[in-house]
Protein backbone atom coordinates (compact mmCIF):
# COMPACT_ATOMS: atom_id res chain seq x y z
CA MET A 1 37.46 -4.67 -17.31
CA PRO A 2 35.43 -7.84 -18.19
CA GLU A 3 34.65 -9.46 -15.02
CA THR A 4 37.73 -12.03 -14.17
CA ASP A 5 35.04 -14.05 -11.53
CA ALA A 6 32.07 -14.22 -13.47
CA PRO A 7 29.16 -17.14 -12.02
CA ALA A 8 29.62 -19.79 -15.03
CA GLY A 9 26.78 -19.31 -18.16
CA SER A 10 26.80 -15.24 -17.70
CA ARG A 11 28.20 -12.63 -20.08
CA THR A 12 31.41 -10.53 -20.06
CA ARG A 13 30.09 -6.67 -20.60
CA LEU A 14 31.36 -4.70 -23.41
CA ARG A 15 31.56 -1.13 -23.13
CA ALA A 16 31.26 0.18 -26.51
CA LEU A 17 31.73 3.64 -27.77
CA ILE A 18 30.13 4.18 -31.25
CA ALA A 19 31.42 7.45 -33.09
CA ALA A 20 29.75 6.41 -36.14
CA GLY A 21 26.19 7.20 -37.60
CA ASP A 22 23.66 3.91 -37.11
CA THR A 23 24.53 2.78 -40.62
CA LYS A 24 24.02 -0.93 -41.38
CA VAL A 25 27.65 -1.96 -41.18
CA ILE A 26 28.10 -0.27 -37.44
CA ARG A 27 24.75 -2.40 -37.13
CA LEU A 28 25.94 -5.69 -37.99
CA GLY A 29 28.82 -5.34 -36.08
CA LEU A 30 27.06 -5.01 -33.35
CA ALA A 31 24.83 -7.40 -33.74
CA ALA A 32 28.18 -9.86 -33.90
CA LEU A 33 29.41 -8.66 -30.46
CA GLU A 34 25.64 -8.88 -28.56
CA ARG A 35 25.98 -12.61 -29.81
CA GLU A 36 28.78 -12.62 -27.07
CA TYR A 37 28.79 -9.94 -24.95
CA ASP A 38 26.14 -7.32 -22.57
CA VAL A 39 27.36 -4.50 -24.68
CA GLU A 40 26.58 -1.35 -23.30
CA ARG A 41 26.92 1.51 -26.16
CA ARG A 42 26.86 5.04 -26.28
CA TYR A 43 26.77 7.44 -29.93
CA VAL A 44 28.74 10.50 -29.96
CA ASP A 45 28.47 12.75 -32.91
CA SER A 46 31.16 15.50 -31.95
CA THR A 47 34.78 16.08 -30.91
CA GLU A 48 33.18 17.27 -27.09
CA ALA A 49 30.78 14.32 -26.79
CA VAL A 50 33.43 11.67 -26.95
CA ARG A 51 35.22 13.94 -24.27
CA ARG A 52 32.82 14.06 -21.96
CA ALA A 53 32.10 9.78 -22.39
CA PHE A 54 35.97 9.38 -21.57
CA LYS A 55 35.23 11.58 -18.36
CA GLU A 56 32.36 9.45 -17.47
CA ASN A 57 33.30 5.71 -17.89
CA ALA A 58 36.46 3.47 -19.44
CA TRP A 59 35.39 2.18 -22.88
CA ASP A 60 36.64 -1.24 -23.71
CA LEU A 61 36.03 -0.58 -27.38
CA ILE A 62 35.40 2.18 -29.44
CA LEU A 63 33.97 2.04 -33.33
CA CYS A 64 34.72 5.10 -35.57
CA ASP A 65 33.85 5.84 -38.71
CA PRO A 66 36.40 7.24 -40.47
CA ALA A 67 34.10 9.39 -42.67
CA LEU A 68 32.45 10.94 -39.71
CA PRO A 69 32.85 14.59 -39.83
CA GLY A 70 34.21 16.54 -37.15
CA CYS A 71 33.84 13.22 -35.32
CA GLY A 72 35.87 10.43 -37.00
CA CYS A 73 38.76 8.06 -36.06
CA ARG A 74 41.05 11.16 -35.94
CA GLU A 75 39.30 12.92 -33.84
CA ILE A 76 38.92 9.88 -31.21
CA LEU A 77 42.68 9.04 -31.81
CA GLY A 78 43.46 12.96 -30.57
CA SER A 79 40.74 12.54 -27.66
CA LEU A 80 42.31 9.01 -26.72
CA ARG A 81 46.01 10.24 -25.77
CA GLU A 82 44.71 13.32 -24.63
CA ASN A 83 43.16 10.66 -21.29
CA GLY A 84 45.74 8.06 -21.50
CA SER A 85 43.50 5.58 -22.55
CA ASP A 86 43.92 1.91 -24.18
CA SER A 87 40.95 1.68 -25.42
CA LEU A 88 40.80 -0.82 -28.62
CA VAL A 89 40.04 1.45 -31.65
CA VAL A 90 38.32 -0.54 -34.48
CA ALA A 91 37.15 1.82 -38.05
CA ILE A 92 33.92 0.29 -39.84
CA ALA A 93 33.92 1.72 -43.37
CA ALA A 94 31.34 1.33 -45.77
CA GLN A 95 33.99 0.90 -48.50
CA ASP A 96 37.92 -0.33 -48.35
CA ASN A 97 40.73 2.28 -48.33
CA GLU A 98 44.29 0.84 -48.27
CA ALA A 99 45.77 4.13 -48.08
CA LEU A 100 43.08 5.31 -45.73
CA ALA A 101 43.18 2.08 -43.76
CA ALA A 102 47.34 2.43 -43.25
CA HIS A 103 47.38 6.06 -42.47
CA LEU A 104 44.94 5.49 -39.25
CA ILE A 105 46.76 1.88 -38.12
CA ARG A 106 49.84 4.59 -38.12
CA GLN A 107 47.89 6.33 -36.24
CA GLY A 108 46.91 3.88 -33.55
CA VAL A 109 43.54 2.50 -35.36
CA ARG A 110 43.86 -1.25 -34.35
CA ALA A 111 42.02 -2.15 -37.08
CA PHE A 112 40.20 -1.21 -40.99
CA ILE A 113 36.88 -3.32 -41.49
CA VAL A 114 34.89 -3.13 -43.96
CA PRO A 115 30.98 -5.46 -44.35
CA ALA A 116 32.83 -8.01 -46.24
CA ARG A 117 35.78 -8.65 -43.02
CA LEU A 118 33.08 -8.14 -40.62
CA THR A 119 33.34 -11.49 -38.99
CA ARG A 120 36.97 -10.45 -37.72
CA LEU A 121 35.37 -8.29 -35.12
CA VAL A 122 34.50 -10.36 -32.49
CA PRO A 123 37.99 -12.48 -32.58
CA LEU A 124 39.70 -9.04 -32.33
CA VAL A 125 37.32 -7.60 -29.14
CA GLN A 126 38.27 -11.29 -27.49
CA ARG A 127 42.18 -11.07 -28.24
CA ASP A 128 41.94 -7.51 -26.75
CA LEU A 129 39.68 -7.73 -24.06
CA GLU A 130 42.11 -11.09 -22.67
CA ASP A 131 45.64 -8.77 -23.33
CA ALA A 132 44.19 -6.35 -21.43
CA ARG A 133 42.87 -8.02 -18.52
CA ASN A 134 46.33 -9.80 -18.32
CA ARG A 135 48.11 -6.33 -18.50
CA ARG A 136 46.17 -5.24 -15.65
CA VAL A 137 46.50 -8.48 -14.02
CA ARG A 138 50.60 -8.01 -14.19
CA GLU A 139 50.61 -4.77 -13.17
CA LEU A 140 48.28 -5.60 -10.12
CA ARG A 141 51.12 -7.98 -9.16
CA ALA A 142 53.81 -5.91 -9.72
CA LEU A 143 52.19 -2.90 -7.60
CA LEU A 144 51.43 -5.82 -4.62
CA ASP A 145 55.43 -6.85 -5.01
CA SER A 146 56.15 -3.68 -4.69
CA SER A 147 54.22 -3.40 -1.59
CA PRO A 148 56.17 -2.69 1.46
CA ASP A 149 53.34 -4.68 3.64
CA ALA A 150 52.66 -7.80 3.41
CA MET A 151 49.42 -8.67 1.34
CA LEU A 152 47.50 -11.25 -0.16
CA VAL A 153 44.70 -11.85 -2.84
CA VAL A 154 41.73 -14.02 -1.73
CA GLY A 155 38.92 -14.81 -4.72
CA PRO A 156 35.43 -14.69 -3.92
CA ASP A 157 35.45 -18.97 -3.06
CA GLY A 158 37.52 -17.93 -0.09
CA ARG A 159 40.78 -19.32 -1.94
CA ILE A 160 44.10 -17.25 -1.84
CA ARG A 161 44.97 -15.86 -5.59
CA HIS A 162 47.64 -13.96 -4.93
CA VAL A 163 50.09 -13.34 -2.04
CA ASN A 164 53.35 -10.88 -2.50
CA ARG A 165 57.13 -11.38 -1.50
CA LEU A 166 57.02 -10.07 1.79
CA LEU A 167 54.21 -12.45 3.16
CA GLY A 168 55.74 -15.54 1.78
CA THR A 169 59.16 -14.16 3.76
CA LEU A 170 57.74 -13.50 7.32
CA LEU A 171 55.42 -16.88 6.83
CA GLY A 172 58.64 -18.79 5.38
CA TYR A 173 56.85 -20.58 2.97
CA SER A 174 56.98 -19.55 -1.18
CA GLU A 175 54.40 -17.78 -2.96
CA LYS A 176 53.19 -20.77 -4.75
CA GLU A 177 52.86 -22.63 -1.08
CA LEU A 178 50.33 -19.92 -0.06
CA ALA A 179 48.75 -19.51 -3.64
CA GLY A 180 45.94 -22.26 -4.42
């Protein structure tokens, strides 16, 4: 999960699981990501290594090579479903293959990228991280609002970030009047 209250100038951490060989296109993709993020990467080369990686960490991004035998995109997607993960899965291939791309996208790969379209990787990751962060914020707010206890969330700066409905009711103020 990206840091939401990171100090100005700090870079967001990106956890990347790579089920692909150390190919030129993978290196170029990682170099583009490293210009924007602090990339923590782990290479896996078997289905068992993928399962271990999912048990040990939550991954923001999974880069897979559809041609990698025994640990390609299909195996990654199977492990993702087993673990209930919503990680961004991107197939990175040396050559364009529209039929394979369409099949993998129907199976759950979010994008099929070839070297000529590598510039799409960083904006795709940025969008997905923001969507994931917004989803977690909504889930947290729903959890707080459904709590039978009065609760508030205070940011590192000491300001109230969120107040659940019950606290607002108990204190006689709206949530907007309390937060800020």
